[in-house]
């Protein structure tokens, strides 16, 4: 039977060590001001596990511990050796952003998420769009955040679509188009590239000649109108790009998972999740 862990207090900050999966520490002025006024509240102790030696590994409460050190406050803590992933504790908590999860997992050896972060940095995209593209989906799919959080994200083996998208957005950045990496614009480019009649080389050439013909908009659909207008500018053959892009999007949604694709993806994610759990168990048993 699991009993409630005992609440303890200490000023020996050296008895604690940082969990290797925790996000990087950063200054938190609100937390600092609160703890300076109220002290370290015993109702919110830091959670620790035994690390196999004479120190305790912090599972939750790294920032409170760091602030307590700065203010020279006594630290309330509990030792709870429940076998749980630090990331599982933080899913759904506002303190951890998607970027925090990504940095933490990548720094602990998740090569798929490390690839997302590198792709994001190189091309100036949001983390969500970078994850969607590296994960083999359209830029606006919004399907990958939960996978980064739970550690089951897998990079696609085929990066051709992602590379075509950033070839265009990078070119737009070079020509100082202010919305080149805006979510709506990148999503619209991603949609346009699924249209057989859309030639990315032609569009890049149009951008080179007329970089100011497109205007800032709010949604992917509105940006498709801008992209279509520029693509067809002075062209003899007009391409109904928005209609074709939306039609292609509907067909992809209807066909997603066909021929065992979805089952294979789920199996691969489950395998990665089990591997993550085994690795965590080894760390905590050490």
Foldseek 3Di string as FASTA:
>chain_A
DDDDFDKDKDLPLVQEDEDLLFFDDDDDVVLLVVCLVVNADSVDAFEWEDQPDRHTYTLDDPRVSVSCNVVSGMGIYTYDLDQDDSLVVCVPPPVADLVRLLRSVVSVPLVLSVVLVVQCVVQVADSQQSLQLQQPHASQPSPCSVCSSLVLRGGDPDNVLVVLLSVQLVLLVVVVPPCSRPSLQSNLSSLLVLFPPDDSVLLSVLCVVCVPQADDDDHVLVNNVSSQCSSCVVNPDRDPRSVRSVVSVVVCVVCPCPPNPVVVSVVSSVVSSVVVSVVSVVSSVD
